Amino acid sequence: QVHLVESGGGLVQPGGSLRLSCAASGTISWFGAMGWYRQAPGKQREMVARVNSGNYINYGESVKGRATASRDTAMNTVSLEMNNLKSEDTAVYYCHYWSPSGVDYWGQGTQVTVSS
């Protein structure tokens, strides 16, 4: 069993910054991948950042240059820092864990709203 809990969402002004955190509990493999996805109303869920077992990070095109993800394998956490936030960054952000067994796990999501 894997449980993912996000924190750090909320209201932020355009041009501002935020930091999201995800804490994982349960059986987490160091060879799995963890990351962040987001979904805005009327849009498909998209990948924001993904950290694989080699600590190589993939970023979504829409956030490249503005987002920084980091994974602490020992603590089973993954964080996401975003700068220069835009209104289009408004979405529900989900923590994700991919198990080497092929099972995907998702957090319940945290709302990020970018507005004045």
C-alpha atoms as a PDB file:
ATOM      1  CA  GLN A   1       0.000   0.000   0.000  1.00  0.00           C
ATOM      2  CA  VAL A   2       1.189   3.468  -0.921  1.00  0.00           C
ATOM      3  CA  HIS A   3      -0.235   6.711   0.373  1.00  0.00           C
ATOM      4  CA  LEU A   4       0.703  10.074  -1.097  1.00  0.00           C
ATOM      5  CA  VAL A   5      -0.099  13.356   0.610  1.00  0.00           C
ATOM      6  CA  GLU A   6       0.433  16.735  -1.031  1.00  0.00           C
ATOM      7  CA  SER A   7       0.819  20.038   0.740  1.00  0.00           C
ATOM      8  CA  GLY A   8       1.620  23.637  -0.093  1.00  0.00           C
ATOM      9  CA  GLY A   9      -1.180  24.515  -2.467  1.00  0.00           C
ATOM     10  CA  GLY A  10      -3.138  27.712  -2.223  1.00  0.00           C
ATOM     11  CA  LEU A  11      -3.567  31.150  -3.717  1.00  0.00           C
ATOM     12  CA  VAL A  12      -0.582  32.930  -5.211  1.00  0.00           C
ATOM     13  CA  GLN A  13      -0.289  36.113  -7.232  1.00  0.00           C
ATOM     14  CA  PRO A  14       0.936  36.134 -10.827  1.00  0.00           C
ATOM     15  CA  GLY A  15       4.706  36.315 -10.889  1.00  0.00           C
ATOM     16  CA  GLY A  16       4.905  34.755  -7.474  1.00  0.00           C
ATOM     17  CA  SER A  17       6.361  31.478  -6.329  1.00  0.00           C
ATOM     18  CA  LEU A  18       5.218  28.393  -4.525  1.00  0.00           C
ATOM     19  CA  ARG A  19       6.575  25.191  -3.131  1.00  0.00           C
ATOM     20  CA  LEU A  20       4.648  21.961  -3.118  1.00  0.00           C
ATOM     21  CA  SER A  21       5.629  18.929  -1.136  1.00  0.00           C
ATOM     22  CA  CYS A  22       4.593  15.318  -1.319  1.00  0.00           C
ATOM     23  CA  ALA A  23       5.147  12.798   1.421  1.00  0.00           C
ATOM     24  CA  ALA A  24       4.877   9.131   0.585  1.00  0.00           C
ATOM     25  CA  SER A  25       4.240   6.322   2.992  1.00  0.00           C
ATOM     26  CA  GLY A  26       4.090   2.603   2.510  1.00  0.00           C
ATOM     27  CA  THR A  27       6.284   0.483   0.308  1.00  0.00           C
ATOM     28  CA  ILE A  28       8.301   2.844  -1.873  1.00  0.00           C
ATOM     29  CA  SER A  29      10.954   1.474  -4.182  1.00  0.00           C
ATOM     30  CA  TRP A  30      14.066   3.489  -4.856  1.00  0.00           C
ATOM     31  CA  PHE A  31      13.811   2.223  -8.422  1.00  0.00           C
ATOM     32  CA  GLY A  32      10.400   3.716  -8.952  1.00  0.00           C
ATOM     33  CA  ALA A  33       9.669   7.197 -10.195  1.00  0.00           C
ATOM     34  CA  MET A  34       7.970  10.068  -8.436  1.00  0.00           C
ATOM     35  CA  GLY A  35       6.708  13.318  -9.788  1.00  0.00           C
ATOM     36  CA  TRP A  36       4.019  15.889 -10.226  1.00  0.00           C
ATOM     37  CA  TYR A  37       1.118  16.170 -12.629  1.00  0.00           C
ATOM     38  CA  ARG A  38      -1.569  18.773 -12.910  1.00  0.00           C
ATOM     39  CA  GLN A  39      -5.016  19.077 -14.376  1.00  0.00           C
ATOM     40  CA  ALA A  40      -6.941  22.233 -15.092  1.00  0.00           C
ATOM     41  CA  PRO A  41     -10.685  22.321 -15.764  1.00  0.00           C
ATOM     42  CA  GLY A  42     -11.424  21.245 -19.313  1.00  0.00           C
ATOM     43  CA  LYS A  43      -7.875  20.101 -19.933  1.00  0.00           C
ATOM     44  CA  GLN A  44      -6.091  16.785 -19.877  1.00  0.00           C
ATOM     45  CA  ARG A  45      -3.785  15.895 -17.070  1.00  0.00           C
ATOM     46  CA  GLU A  46      -0.219  16.832 -17.931  1.00  0.00           C
ATOM     47  CA  MET A  47       3.158  16.001 -16.540  1.00  0.00           C
ATOM     48  CA  VAL A  48       4.874  18.817 -14.682  1.00  0.00           C
ATOM     49  CA  ALA A  49       7.976  17.058 -13.429  1.00  0.00           C
ATOM     50  CA  ARG A  50       9.098  13.474 -13.048  1.00  0.00           C
ATOM     51  CA  VAL A  51      12.134  12.197 -11.174  1.00  0.00           C
ATOM     52  CA  ASN A  52      13.304   8.718 -12.075  1.00  0.00           C
ATOM     53  CA  SER A  53      15.470   6.299 -10.122  1.00  0.00           C
ATOM     54  CA  GLY A  54      18.618   7.835 -11.580  1.00  0.00           C
ATOM     55  CA  ASN A  55      17.515  11.242 -10.309  1.00  0.00           C
ATOM     56  CA  TYR A  56      17.081  12.459 -13.853  1.00  0.00           C
ATOM     57  CA  ILE A  57      14.297  14.983 -14.053  1.00  0.00           C
ATOM     58  CA  ASN A  58      11.914  15.526 -16.920  1.00  0.00           C
ATOM     59  CA  TYR A  59       9.922  18.733 -17.014  1.00  0.00           C
ATOM     60  CA  GLY A  60       6.816  19.554 -18.931  1.00  0.00           C
ATOM     61  CA  GLU A  61       7.335  22.047 -21.722  1.00  0.00           C
ATOM     62  CA  SER A  62       4.945  24.523 -20.167  1.00  0.00           C
ATOM     63  CA  VAL A  63       7.008  24.815 -16.979  1.00  0.00           C
ATOM     64  CA  LYS A  64      10.581  24.423 -18.201  1.00  0.00           C
ATOM     65  CA  GLY A  65      12.762  27.128 -16.763  1.00  0.00           C
ATOM     66  CA  ARG A  66      10.234  27.926 -14.058  1.00  0.00           C
ATOM     67  CA  ALA A  67      10.015  24.672 -12.139  1.00  0.00           C
ATOM     68  CA  THR A  68      12.446  22.731 -10.033  1.00  0.00           C
ATOM     69  CA  ALA A  69      11.697  19.289  -8.664  1.00  0.00           C
ATOM     70  CA  SER A  70      13.711  17.358  -6.157  1.00  0.00           C
ATOM     71  CA  ARG A  71      13.399  13.915  -4.662  1.00  0.00           C
ATOM     72  CA  ASP A  72      14.661  12.804  -1.309  1.00  0.00           C
ATOM     73  CA  THR A  73      14.721   9.045  -1.653  1.00  0.00           C
ATOM     74  CA  ALA A  74      15.621   8.448   1.982  1.00  0.00           C
ATOM     75  CA  MET A  75      12.670  10.496   3.170  1.00  0.00           C
ATOM     76  CA  ASN A  76      10.302   9.363   0.402  1.00  0.00           C
ATOM     77  CA  THR A  77       9.424  12.897  -0.510  1.00  0.00           C
ATOM     78  CA  VAL A  78       9.320  14.889  -3.703  1.00  0.00           C
ATOM     79  CA  SER A  79       8.974  18.648  -3.897  1.00  0.00           C
ATOM     80  CA  LEU A  80       8.136  21.099  -6.628  1.00  0.00           C
ATOM     81  CA  GLU A  81       9.186  24.732  -6.684  1.00  0.00           C
ATOM     82  CA  MET A  82       7.745  27.031  -9.297  1.00  0.00           C
ATOM     83  CA  ASN A  83       8.600  30.627 -10.057  1.00  0.00           C
ATOM     84  CA  ASN A  84       7.047  33.328 -12.190  1.00  0.00           C
ATOM     85  CA  LEU A  85       3.651  31.747 -11.862  1.00  0.00           C
ATOM     86  CA  LYS A  86       1.061  32.450 -14.507  1.00  0.00           C
ATOM     87  CA  SER A  87      -2.693  32.214 -14.532  1.00  0.00           C
ATOM     88  CA  GLU A  88      -2.451  29.134 -16.735  1.00  0.00           C
ATOM     89  CA  ASP A  89      -0.627  27.384 -13.917  1.00  0.00           C
ATOM     90  CA  THR A  90      -3.924  27.247 -12.058  1.00  0.00           C
ATOM     91  CA  ALA A  91      -4.782  23.589 -11.638  1.00  0.00           C
ATOM     92  CA  VAL A  92      -5.049  20.733  -9.239  1.00  0.00           C
ATOM     93  CA  TYR A  93      -1.585  19.342  -8.695  1.00  0.00           C
ATOM     94  CA  TYR A  94      -1.199  15.644  -8.050  1.00  0.00           C
ATOM     95  CA  CYS A  95       1.704  13.758  -6.599  1.00  0.00           C
ATOM     96  CA  HIS A  96       2.465  10.560  -8.470  1.00  0.00           C
ATOM     97  CA  TYR A  97       4.431   7.435  -7.780  1.00  0.00           C
ATOM     98  CA  TRP A  98       5.211   4.763 -10.342  1.00  0.00           C
ATOM     99  CA  SER A  99       6.098   1.397  -8.941  1.00  0.00           C
ATOM    100  CA  PRO A 100       8.522  -0.879 -10.815  1.00  0.00           C
ATOM    101  CA  SER A 101       5.739  -3.467 -10.635  1.00  0.00           C
ATOM    102  CA  GLY A 102       3.753  -1.295 -13.021  1.00  0.00           C
ATOM    103  CA  VAL A 103       1.268   0.172 -10.569  1.00  0.00           C
ATOM    104  CA  ASP A 104       0.556   3.907 -10.483  1.00  0.00           C
ATOM    105  CA  TYR A 105      -0.375   5.725  -7.308  1.00  0.00           C
ATOM    106  CA  TRP A 106      -1.841   9.188  -6.984  1.00  0.00           C
ATOM    107  CA  GLY A 107      -2.375  11.657  -4.215  1.00  0.00           C
ATOM    108  CA  GLN A 108      -5.717  13.348  -3.756  1.00  0.00           C
ATOM    109  CA  GLY A 109      -4.398  16.579  -5.212  1.00  0.00           C
ATOM    110  CA  THR A 110      -3.837  20.103  -3.987  1.00  0.00           C
ATOM    111  CA  GLN A 111      -5.380  23.177  -5.564  1.00  0.00           C
ATOM    112  CA  VAL A 112      -3.099  25.902  -6.875  1.00  0.00           C
ATOM    113  CA  THR A 113      -4.765  29.127  -7.923  1.00  0.00           C
ATOM    114  CA  VAL A 114      -2.789  31.921  -9.556  1.00  0.00           C
ATOM    115  CA  SER A 115      -4.765  35.121  -9.399  1.00  0.00           C
ATOM    116  CA  SER A 116      -4.558  38.727  -8.297  1.00  0.00           C
END
